[in-house]
Amino acid sequence: MRTSFRNIMIATSAIIALGTFAASAATPAPGDASGTTIQAAATTATDHDMSGKVEQRIADLHATLKITNAQQPQWDAFTAIMRANAAEMDKAFQARVDGMPSMNALENMESYAEVSMKHAQGMQKMVPAFRALYAVLDTDQRKSADTEFVDNAHRGIDKPKG
């Protein structure tokens, strides 16, 4: 089963949102020892490894796009950025999770904004590398890329009724 990068980011955002809720709900009252177990569960629930998901996505894309030896340099540049972005997001998510127990509402929002900004910056880094890769793809490969990055991005989204 292939997962689009967009679906990974949606799932990751959901994990952040749930972690935010769980962490705020789990903050113990002074002298309440029961909060410790709940807080540990919230931290474990938000722990994840974006790098593993990205490796699977890279393998799936490589097979789907049928990358040739001649296209390998552009592919390698693109996937290096994907990997770097995943590592950066892993660090940002972990920093957010680690800081949650002591965050107030404002710090929580600022932390979420920081993670969102890092995601946007990572996407900006990926665009030129993907542009270079897309430029060397043949017509069939471009159709496959269009399906993966455009058509499949709409999977799971309800279309407006009307």
Protein backbone atom coordinates (compact mmCIF):
# COMPACT_ATOMS: atom_id res chain seq x y z
CA MET A 1 0.00 0.00 0.00
CA ARG A 2 1.52 3.28 -1.07
CA THR A 3 1.20 6.37 1.05
CA SER A 4 1.52 9.82 -0.45
CA PHE A 5 3.81 12.36 1.17
CA ARG A 6 0.74 14.53 1.73
CA ASN A 7 -0.98 11.69 3.60
CA ILE A 8 2.11 11.27 5.77
CA MET A 9 2.06 14.98 6.60
CA ILE A 10 -1.68 14.88 7.36
CA ALA A 11 -1.15 11.92 9.67
CA THR A 12 1.79 13.65 11.30
CA SER A 13 -0.27 16.80 11.85
CA ALA A 14 -3.01 14.70 13.40
CA ILE A 15 -0.45 13.10 15.71
CA ILE A 16 0.74 16.56 16.76
CA ALA A 17 -2.82 17.74 17.38
CA LEU A 18 -3.67 14.63 19.39
CA GLY A 19 -0.41 14.93 21.29
CA THR A 20 -1.20 18.55 22.09
CA PHE A 21 -4.62 17.57 23.40
CA ALA A 22 -3.29 14.60 25.32
CA ALA A 23 -0.47 16.59 26.85
CA SER A 24 -2.73 19.44 27.93
CA ALA A 25 -5.33 17.03 29.29
CA ALA A 26 -2.68 14.97 31.02
CA THR A 27 -0.98 17.80 32.91
CA PRO A 28 -1.32 16.72 36.53
CA ALA A 29 -2.65 18.94 39.26
CA PRO A 30 -0.09 19.74 41.96
CA GLY A 31 0.39 16.65 44.07
CA ASP A 32 -1.49 14.40 41.56
CA ALA A 33 0.75 11.40 40.90
CA SER A 34 -1.70 9.86 38.42
CA GLY A 35 -0.78 12.44 35.78
CA THR A 36 2.69 10.95 35.41
CA THR A 37 1.39 7.77 33.80
CA ILE A 38 -0.97 9.68 31.52
CA GLN A 39 1.82 12.08 30.51
CA ALA A 40 4.13 9.18 29.70
CA ALA A 41 1.42 7.66 27.52
CA ALA A 42 0.94 10.98 25.72
CA THR A 43 4.67 11.23 25.01
CA THR A 44 4.80 7.64 23.74
CA ALA A 45 1.76 8.24 21.53
CA THR A 46 3.47 11.16 19.81
CA ASP A 47 6.86 9.47 19.42
CA HIS A 48 7.32 8.46 15.80
CA ASP A 49 9.94 8.05 13.15
CA MET A 50 9.28 10.09 10.03
CA SER A 51 12.52 8.77 8.53
CA GLY A 52 11.19 5.21 8.28
CA LYS A 53 8.03 6.42 6.53
CA VAL A 54 10.10 8.51 4.12
CA GLU A 55 12.30 5.53 3.26
CA GLN A 56 9.19 3.55 2.33
CA ARG A 57 7.89 6.49 0.30
CA ILE A 58 11.23 6.78 -1.51
CA ALA A 59 11.21 3.08 -2.38
CA ASP A 60 7.60 3.30 -3.59
CA LEU A 61 8.28 6.38 -5.72
CA HIS A 62 11.44 4.89 -7.21
CA ALA A 63 9.45 1.85 -8.35
CA THR A 64 6.45 3.87 -9.55
CA LEU A 65 8.50 6.42 -11.49
CA LYS A 66 10.88 3.77 -12.85
CA ILE A 67 13.93 5.95 -12.31
CA THR A 68 16.69 5.18 -14.82
CA ASN A 69 20.45 5.25 -14.27
CA ALA A 70 20.62 8.50 -16.25
CA GLN A 71 18.05 10.08 -13.88
CA GLN A 72 19.77 8.85 -10.73
CA PRO A 73 21.68 12.09 -9.95
CA GLN A 74 18.45 14.13 -9.93
CA TRP A 75 16.70 11.37 -7.98
CA ASP A 76 19.50 11.26 -5.42
CA ALA A 77 19.39 15.04 -4.94
CA PHE A 78 15.61 14.93 -4.44
CA THR A 79 15.69 12.00 -2.00
CA ALA A 80 18.58 13.52 -0.03
CA ILE A 81 16.34 16.51 0.68
CA MET A 82 13.43 14.22 1.58
CA ARG A 83 15.65 12.42 4.08
CA ALA A 84 17.05 15.65 5.52
CA ASN A 85 13.53 17.05 5.87
CA ALA A 86 12.36 13.89 7.64
CA ALA A 87 15.27 14.08 10.08
CA GLU A 88 14.57 17.77 10.70
CA MET A 89 10.89 17.09 11.31
CA ASP A 90 11.72 14.21 13.66
CA LYS A 91 13.89 16.60 15.71
CA ALA A 92 11.22 19.31 15.69
CA PHE A 93 8.46 16.90 16.74
CA GLN A 94 10.61 15.43 19.50
CA ALA A 95 11.52 18.88 20.80
CA ARG A 96 7.83 19.75 20.83
CA VAL A 97 6.90 16.55 22.68
CA ASP A 98 9.73 16.99 25.17
CA GLY A 99 8.66 20.56 25.94
CA MET A 100 4.93 19.94 26.19
CA PRO A 101 4.76 19.12 29.90
CA SER A 102 5.97 22.61 30.80
CA MET A 103 4.24 24.59 28.01
CA ASN A 104 1.49 27.07 28.56
CA ALA A 105 -1.09 27.75 25.82
CA LEU A 106 1.00 30.47 24.15
CA GLU A 107 4.16 28.36 24.13
CA ASN A 108 2.16 25.45 22.74
CA MET A 109 0.91 27.60 19.85
CA GLU A 110 4.39 28.96 19.23
CA SER A 111 5.80 25.43 19.21
CA TYR A 112 3.17 24.27 16.73
CA ALA A 113 3.91 27.30 14.53
CA GLU A 114 7.63 26.42 14.63
CA VAL A 115 6.94 22.85 13.49
CA SER A 116 4.64 24.12 10.74
CA MET A 117 7.29 26.60 9.59
CA LYS A 118 9.95 23.89 9.46
CA HIS A 119 7.61 21.77 7.33
CA ALA A 120 7.02 24.67 4.93
CA GLN A 121 10.75 25.40 4.73
CA GLY A 122 11.44 21.75 3.98
CA MET A 123 8.89 21.79 1.17
CA GLN A 124 10.51 24.91 -0.26
CA LYS A 125 13.87 23.10 -0.31
CA MET A 126 12.31 20.16 -2.12
CA VAL A 127 10.74 22.14 -4.96
CA PRO A 128 13.96 22.92 -6.92
CA ALA A 129 15.18 19.34 -6.56
CA PHE A 130 11.85 17.97 -7.73
CA ARG A 131 11.80 20.48 -10.60
CA ALA A 132 15.19 19.16 -11.75
CA LEU A 133 13.97 15.56 -11.46
CA TYR A 134 10.68 16.26 -13.23
CA ALA A 135 12.59 17.91 -16.09
CA VAL A 136 14.44 14.65 -16.87
CA LEU A 137 11.42 12.34 -16.63
CA ASP A 138 9.94 11.02 -19.85
CA THR A 139 6.25 11.43 -20.68
CA ASP A 140 5.13 8.20 -19.00
CA GLN A 141 7.15 8.95 -15.89
CA ARG A 142 5.66 12.44 -15.70
CA LYS A 143 2.17 10.95 -15.92
CA SER A 144 3.06 8.64 -13.04
CA ALA A 145 4.46 11.58 -11.06
CA ASP A 146 1.33 13.60 -11.78
CA THR A 147 -0.79 10.74 -10.49
CA GLU A 148 1.32 10.39 -7.35
CA PHE A 149 1.62 14.07 -6.51
CA VAL A 150 -1.64 15.50 -7.87
CA ASP A 151 -4.35 12.89 -8.33
CA ASN A 152 -3.44 10.84 -5.25
CA ALA A 153 -3.19 13.98 -3.13
CA HIS A 154 -6.96 14.20 -3.35
CA ARG A 155 -7.54 10.68 -2.02
CA GLY A 156 -9.65 10.68 1.10
CA ILE A 157 -10.87 14.23 0.63
CA ASP A 158 -14.62 14.50 0.22
CA LYS A 159 -15.60 16.42 -2.86
CA PRO A 160 -18.18 19.16 -2.30
CA LYS A 161 -21.73 18.05 -2.94
CA GLY A 162 -23.72 20.12 -5.23
